[in-house]
Amino acid sequence: MNEHNDHHHHDHEGHDHSHHGHDHGPDFDGLDHNHGREVTLEAEIEAGIDQIWSVLTDNVKIKEWFNELHINDLKPGGSISFLLQDEEIARYLITDLEEPHTFGFTWGEDGDSIVNFELEEIESGKTLLKFSEWVPEVTAHTVKDITGWYVCMEVIGQIVEGREPINRPQHFTKAFTEIEALLADDLA
């Protein structure tokens, strides 16, 4: 089922030459490089949807789980900056925003990936937080990227549930191995 990827086709116009000359054998699972790959993570969090939304979208709270991220204007067509030592390294476009359910933006080294956070109330005080990232192709960088987001989600859960801060490097190492295995078949 690739329907949900159709709206990404414009990313590839004019880049068709790039897949010629790939000679790393057949694609696994019939995966077509032109369709990219969507990777999804989910977490059930013991907190209300509005509380999680505010941790995801309030710049002061974002610093607690992703220090380098800064929202410039929280609206579709708005932008997000990735900052290192207060210097803007990259700027991304907010593609989707529907409070308190959907927050999506472009991502990746070339800005050609798309990250989406979706929140769904399971019951009062319990929320399903779903993260997905669509990438044009899975690379070693993708594994690191997804692992980073995985740890961010764990930290978001820890913040809103008021638990002790997790050991991020330890969680990163453990998650990295699992995510690498998960994506092994698709590694370009």
C-alpha atoms as a PDB file:
ATOM      1  CA  MET A   1       0.000   0.000   0.000  1.00  0.00           C
ATOM      2  CA  ASN A   2       1.818   3.081  -1.197  1.00  0.00           C
ATOM      3  CA  GLU A   3      -1.113   5.457  -1.480  1.00  0.00           C
ATOM      4  CA  HIS A   4       0.039   7.534   1.478  1.00  0.00           C
ATOM      5  CA  ASN A   5       3.313   8.201  -0.260  1.00  0.00           C
ATOM      6  CA  ASP A   6       1.745   9.672  -3.391  1.00  0.00           C
ATOM      7  CA  HIS A   7       1.954  13.233  -2.140  1.00  0.00           C
ATOM      8  CA  HIS A   8       5.718  12.898  -1.876  1.00  0.00           C
ATOM      9  CA  HIS A   9       6.248  12.411  -5.588  1.00  0.00           C
ATOM     10  CA  HIS A  10       7.088  16.060  -6.162  1.00  0.00           C
ATOM     11  CA  ASP A  11      10.242  15.521  -4.110  1.00  0.00           C
ATOM     12  CA  HIS A  12      11.637  13.385  -6.891  1.00  0.00           C
ATOM     13  CA  GLU A  13      10.969  15.405 -10.004  1.00  0.00           C
ATOM     14  CA  GLY A  14      14.168  16.042 -11.837  1.00  0.00           C
ATOM     15  CA  HIS A  15      16.042  13.537  -9.702  1.00  0.00           C
ATOM     16  CA  ASP A  16      15.173  10.434 -11.659  1.00  0.00           C
ATOM     17  CA  HIS A  17      18.718  10.013 -12.889  1.00  0.00           C
ATOM     18  CA  SER A  18      19.862   9.224  -9.352  1.00  0.00           C
ATOM     19  CA  HIS A  19      18.613   5.642  -9.261  1.00  0.00           C
ATOM     20  CA  HIS A  20      20.297   4.540 -12.469  1.00  0.00           C
ATOM     21  CA  GLY A  21      23.566   2.811 -11.896  1.00  0.00           C
ATOM     22  CA  HIS A  22      22.605   1.492  -8.463  1.00  0.00           C
ATOM     23  CA  ASP A  23      24.114  -1.953  -8.496  1.00  0.00           C
ATOM     24  CA  HIS A  24      23.694  -3.145  -4.949  1.00  0.00           C
ATOM     25  CA  GLY A  25      21.507  -6.068  -5.872  1.00  0.00           C
ATOM     26  CA  PRO A  26      17.746  -6.403  -5.743  1.00  0.00           C
ATOM     27  CA  ASP A  27      15.591  -4.318  -3.404  1.00  0.00           C
ATOM     28  CA  PHE A  28      14.217  -6.296  -0.492  1.00  0.00           C
ATOM     29  CA  ASP A  29      10.484  -6.790   0.052  1.00  0.00           C
ATOM     30  CA  GLY A  30       9.810  -5.323  -3.380  1.00  0.00           C
ATOM     31  CA  LEU A  31      10.738  -1.967  -1.860  1.00  0.00           C
ATOM     32  CA  ASP A  32      10.865   0.677  -4.572  1.00  0.00           C
ATOM     33  CA  HIS A  33      13.433   3.374  -3.817  1.00  0.00           C
ATOM     34  CA  ASN A  34      11.211   5.923  -5.506  1.00  0.00           C
ATOM     35  CA  HIS A  35       8.571   5.369  -2.892  1.00  0.00           C
ATOM     36  CA  GLY A  36      10.831   5.732   0.104  1.00  0.00           C
ATOM     37  CA  ARG A  37      10.081   4.154   3.432  1.00  0.00           C
ATOM     38  CA  GLU A  38       7.973   5.165   6.387  1.00  0.00           C
ATOM     39  CA  VAL A  39       9.201   4.166   9.842  1.00  0.00           C
ATOM     40  CA  THR A  40       6.723   4.340  12.705  1.00  0.00           C
ATOM     41  CA  LEU A  41       7.152   4.338  16.489  1.00  0.00           C
ATOM     42  CA  GLU A  42       4.331   4.325  19.036  1.00  0.00           C
ATOM     43  CA  ALA A  43       4.129   4.956  22.772  1.00  0.00           C
ATOM     44  CA  GLU A  44       1.225   4.886  25.213  1.00  0.00           C
ATOM     45  CA  ILE A  45       1.722   7.696  27.684  1.00  0.00           C
ATOM     46  CA  GLU A  46      -0.095   8.157  30.982  1.00  0.00           C
ATOM     47  CA  ALA A  47      -0.959  11.806  30.442  1.00  0.00           C
ATOM     48  CA  GLY A  48      -3.640  13.926  28.829  1.00  0.00           C
ATOM     49  CA  ILE A  49      -3.421  14.828  25.148  1.00  0.00           C
ATOM     50  CA  ASP A  50      -3.159  18.594  25.814  1.00  0.00           C
ATOM     51  CA  GLN A  51      -0.267  18.080  28.200  1.00  0.00           C
ATOM     52  CA  ILE A  52       1.689  16.078  25.623  1.00  0.00           C
ATOM     53  CA  TRP A  53       0.807  18.553  22.860  1.00  0.00           C
ATOM     54  CA  SER A  54       2.259  21.371  24.927  1.00  0.00           C
ATOM     55  CA  VAL A  55       5.506  19.435  25.539  1.00  0.00           C
ATOM     56  CA  LEU A  56       5.751  18.830  21.762  1.00  0.00           C
ATOM     57  CA  THR A  57       5.065  22.404  20.684  1.00  0.00           C
ATOM     58  CA  ASP A  58       6.092  24.821  23.454  1.00  0.00           C
ATOM     59  CA  ASN A  59       9.682  26.011  22.886  1.00  0.00           C
ATOM     60  CA  VAL A  60      10.494  26.101  26.604  1.00  0.00           C
ATOM     61  CA  LYS A  61       9.366  22.482  27.026  1.00  0.00           C
ATOM     62  CA  ILE A  62      10.938  21.313  23.752  1.00  0.00           C
ATOM     63  CA  LYS A  63      14.346  22.196  25.258  1.00  0.00           C
ATOM     64  CA  GLU A  64      13.803  19.409  27.808  1.00  0.00           C
ATOM     65  CA  TRP A  65      13.623  16.687  25.152  1.00  0.00           C
ATOM     66  CA  PHE A  66      15.307  18.136  22.027  1.00  0.00           C
ATOM     67  CA  ASN A  67      17.529  21.026  22.996  1.00  0.00           C
ATOM     68  CA  GLU A  68      18.487  22.026  19.425  1.00  0.00           C
ATOM     69  CA  LEU A  69      14.929  22.363  18.122  1.00  0.00           C
ATOM     70  CA  HIS A  70      13.148  25.714  18.049  1.00  0.00           C
ATOM     71  CA  ILE A  71       9.737  26.468  16.537  1.00  0.00           C
ATOM     72  CA  ASN A  72       9.699  29.858  14.804  1.00  0.00           C
ATOM     73  CA  ASP A  73       5.998  30.014  13.993  1.00  0.00           C
ATOM     74  CA  LEU A  74       3.589  27.265  14.964  1.00  0.00           C
ATOM     75  CA  LYS A  75       1.337  27.055  11.902  1.00  0.00           C
ATOM     76  CA  PRO A  76       1.182  25.149   8.628  1.00  0.00           C
ATOM     77  CA  GLY A  77       3.799  26.782   6.415  1.00  0.00           C
ATOM     78  CA  GLY A  78       5.655  27.995   9.509  1.00  0.00           C
ATOM     79  CA  SER A  79       9.209  26.947  10.208  1.00  0.00           C
ATOM     80  CA  ILE A  80      11.388  25.133  12.719  1.00  0.00           C
ATOM     81  CA  SER A  81      15.078  25.793  13.260  1.00  0.00           C
ATOM     82  CA  PHE A  82      17.750  23.307  14.214  1.00  0.00           C
ATOM     83  CA  LEU A  83      20.261  25.259  16.303  1.00  0.00           C
ATOM     84  CA  LEU A  84      23.766  24.436  17.478  1.00  0.00           C
ATOM     85  CA  GLN A  85      25.282  26.919  19.946  1.00  0.00           C
ATOM     86  CA  ASP A  86      22.393  29.245  19.035  1.00  0.00           C
ATOM     87  CA  GLU A  87      23.440  29.200  15.393  1.00  0.00           C
ATOM     88  CA  GLU A  88      20.905  28.005  12.843  1.00  0.00           C
ATOM     89  CA  ILE A  89      22.178  24.865  11.096  1.00  0.00           C
ATOM     90  CA  ALA A  90      18.982  24.037   9.232  1.00  0.00           C
ATOM     91  CA  ARG A  91      15.444  25.304   8.822  1.00  0.00           C
ATOM     92  CA  TYR A  92      12.459  23.035   8.240  1.00  0.00           C
ATOM     93  CA  LEU A  93       8.924  23.638   7.049  1.00  0.00           C
ATOM     94  CA  ILE A  94       5.863  22.812   9.152  1.00  0.00           C
ATOM     95  CA  THR A  95       3.786  20.733   6.753  1.00  0.00           C
ATOM     96  CA  ASP A  96       0.888  19.798   8.998  1.00  0.00           C
ATOM     97  CA  LEU A  97      -0.520  21.256  12.192  1.00  0.00           C
ATOM     98  CA  GLU A  98      -3.802  20.423  13.832  1.00  0.00           C
ATOM     99  CA  GLU A  99      -3.909  21.074  17.571  1.00  0.00           C
ATOM    100  CA  PRO A 100      -3.770  18.838  19.589  1.00  0.00           C
ATOM    101  CA  HIS A 101      -3.570  15.948  17.116  1.00  0.00           C
ATOM    102  CA  THR A 102      -1.003  16.384  14.347  1.00  0.00           C
ATOM    103  CA  PHE A 103       2.363  18.081  14.072  1.00  0.00           C
ATOM    104  CA  GLY A 104       4.405  17.423  10.922  1.00  0.00           C
ATOM    105  CA  PHE A 105       7.520  18.993   9.413  1.00  0.00           C
ATOM    106  CA  THR A 106      10.230  18.380   6.846  1.00  0.00           C
ATOM    107  CA  TRP A 107      13.431  16.871   8.198  1.00  0.00           C
ATOM    108  CA  GLY A 108      16.722  15.224   7.280  1.00  0.00           C
ATOM    109  CA  GLU A 109      20.098  16.358   6.036  1.00  0.00           C
ATOM    110  CA  ASP A 110      18.577  17.543   2.748  1.00  0.00           C
ATOM    111  CA  GLY A 111      15.182  18.450   4.177  1.00  0.00           C
ATOM    112  CA  ASP A 112      13.643  15.710   2.041  1.00  0.00           C
ATOM    113  CA  SER A 113      12.271  13.552   4.851  1.00  0.00           C
ATOM    114  CA  ILE A 114       9.009  14.178   6.670  1.00  0.00           C
ATOM    115  CA  VAL A 115       8.405  13.733  10.393  1.00  0.00           C
ATOM    116  CA  ASN A 116       4.891  13.447  11.819  1.00  0.00           C
ATOM    117  CA  PHE A 117       3.708  13.308  15.400  1.00  0.00           C
ATOM    118  CA  GLU A 118       0.140  12.130  15.892  1.00  0.00           C
ATOM    119  CA  LEU A 119      -1.663  12.172  19.230  1.00  0.00           C
ATOM    120  CA  GLU A 120      -4.781  10.195  19.973  1.00  0.00           C
ATOM    121  CA  GLU A 121      -6.639  10.107  23.262  1.00  0.00           C
ATOM    122  CA  ILE A 122      -7.055   6.479  24.336  1.00  0.00           C
ATOM    123  CA  GLU A 123      -8.998   7.359  27.476  1.00  0.00           C
ATOM    124  CA  SER A 124      -8.980  10.236  29.911  1.00  0.00           C
ATOM    125  CA  GLY A 125      -5.376  10.808  31.030  1.00  0.00           C
ATOM    126  CA  LYS A 126      -3.939   8.294  28.561  1.00  0.00           C
ATOM    127  CA  THR A 127      -2.640   9.185  25.103  1.00  0.00           C
ATOM    128  CA  LEU A 128      -1.186   7.284  22.167  1.00  0.00           C
ATOM    129  CA  LEU A 129       1.778   9.192  20.763  1.00  0.00           C
ATOM    130  CA  LYS A 130       2.684   8.044  17.280  1.00  0.00           C
ATOM    131  CA  PHE A 131       5.844   9.153  15.514  1.00  0.00           C
ATOM    132  CA  SER A 132       6.508   8.484  11.860  1.00  0.00           C
ATOM    133  CA  GLU A 133       9.309   9.500   9.570  1.00  0.00           C
ATOM    134  CA  TRP A 134       9.152   9.143   5.814  1.00  0.00           C
ATOM    135  CA  VAL A 135      12.611   8.917   4.228  1.00  0.00           C
ATOM    136  CA  PRO A 136      13.461   8.763   0.497  1.00  0.00           C
ATOM    137  CA  GLU A 137      15.825   5.889   1.293  1.00  0.00           C
ATOM    138  CA  VAL A 138      17.079   4.166   4.406  1.00  0.00           C
ATOM    139  CA  THR A 139      20.760   4.858   5.129  1.00  0.00           C
ATOM    140  CA  ALA A 140      23.071   4.455   8.121  1.00  0.00           C
ATOM    141  CA  HIS A 141      22.113   8.039   9.012  1.00  0.00           C
ATOM    142  CA  THR A 142      18.423   7.018   9.120  1.00  0.00           C
ATOM    143  CA  VAL A 143      19.169   4.468  11.841  1.00  0.00           C
ATOM    144  CA  LYS A 144      20.824   7.160  13.992  1.00  0.00           C
ATOM    145  CA  ASP A 145      18.028   9.617  13.266  1.00  0.00           C
ATOM    146  CA  ILE A 146      15.190   7.225  14.160  1.00  0.00           C
ATOM    147  CA  THR A 147      17.064   6.132  17.298  1.00  0.00           C
ATOM    148  CA  GLY A 148      17.367   9.772  18.321  1.00  0.00           C
ATOM    149  CA  TRP A 149      13.617  10.270  17.907  1.00  0.00           C
ATOM    150  CA  TYR A 150      12.964   7.041  19.816  1.00  0.00           C
ATOM    151  CA  VAL A 151      14.921   8.399  22.781  1.00  0.00           C
ATOM    152  CA  CYS A 152      13.095  11.761  22.439  1.00  0.00           C
ATOM    153  CA  MET A 153       9.785   9.911  22.758  1.00  0.00           C
ATOM    154  CA  GLU A 154      10.997   8.129  25.871  1.00  0.00           C
ATOM    155  CA  VAL A 155      12.021  11.472  27.355  1.00  0.00           C
ATOM    156  CA  ILE A 156       8.634  13.037  26.473  1.00  0.00           C
ATOM    157  CA  GLY A 157       6.922  10.172  28.322  1.00  0.00           C
ATOM    158  CA  GLN A 158       9.248  10.612  31.283  1.00  0.00           C
ATOM    159  CA  ILE A 159       8.607  14.389  31.421  1.00  0.00           C
ATOM    160  CA  VAL A 160       4.813  14.257  31.291  1.00  0.00           C
ATOM    161  CA  GLU A 161       4.558  11.251  33.605  1.00  0.00           C
ATOM    162  CA  GLY A 162       6.901  12.969  36.078  1.00  0.00           C
ATOM    163  CA  ARG A 163       9.377  10.084  36.225  1.00  0.00           C
ATOM    164  CA  GLU A 164      13.091  10.195  36.980  1.00  0.00           C
ATOM    165  CA  PRO A 165      15.157  11.366  33.986  1.00  0.00           C
ATOM    166  CA  ILE A 166      16.373   8.450  31.877  1.00  0.00           C
ATOM    167  CA  ASN A 167      20.008   7.853  30.964  1.00  0.00           C
ATOM    168  CA  ARG A 168      19.896   8.992  27.339  1.00  0.00           C
ATOM    169  CA  PRO A 169      23.216   7.509  26.076  1.00  0.00           C
ATOM    170  CA  GLN A 170      22.303   4.138  27.574  1.00  0.00           C
ATOM    171  CA  HIS A 171      18.830   4.195  26.010  1.00  0.00           C
ATOM    172  CA  PHE A 172      20.312   5.331  22.688  1.00  0.00           C
ATOM    173  CA  THR A 173      22.766   2.416  22.564  1.00  0.00           C
ATOM    174  CA  LYS A 174      20.072  -0.147  23.375  1.00  0.00           C
ATOM    175  CA  ALA A 175      17.520   1.299  20.936  1.00  0.00           C
ATOM    176  CA  PHE A 176      20.137   1.685  18.179  1.00  0.00           C
ATOM    177  CA  THR A 177      20.719  -2.075  18.035  1.00  0.00           C
ATOM    178  CA  GLU A 178      16.978  -2.786  17.830  1.00  0.00           C
ATOM    179  CA  ILE A 179      16.270  -0.139  15.196  1.00  0.00           C
ATOM    180  CA  GLU A 180      19.260  -1.201  13.120  1.00  0.00           C
ATOM    181  CA  ALA A 181      17.861  -4.738  13.103  1.00  0.00           C
ATOM    182  CA  LEU A 182      14.402  -3.410  12.249  1.00  0.00           C
ATOM    183  CA  LEU A 183      15.721  -1.485   9.235  1.00  0.00           C
ATOM    184  CA  ALA A 184      18.452  -3.927   8.197  1.00  0.00           C
ATOM    185  CA  ASP A 185      16.593  -5.199   5.118  1.00  0.00           C
ATOM    186  CA  ASP A 186      16.065  -1.703   3.782  1.00  0.00           C
ATOM    187  CA  LEU A 187      19.532  -0.243   4.360  1.00  0.00           C
ATOM    188  CA  ALA A 188      20.641   1.315   1.110  1.00  0.00           C
END
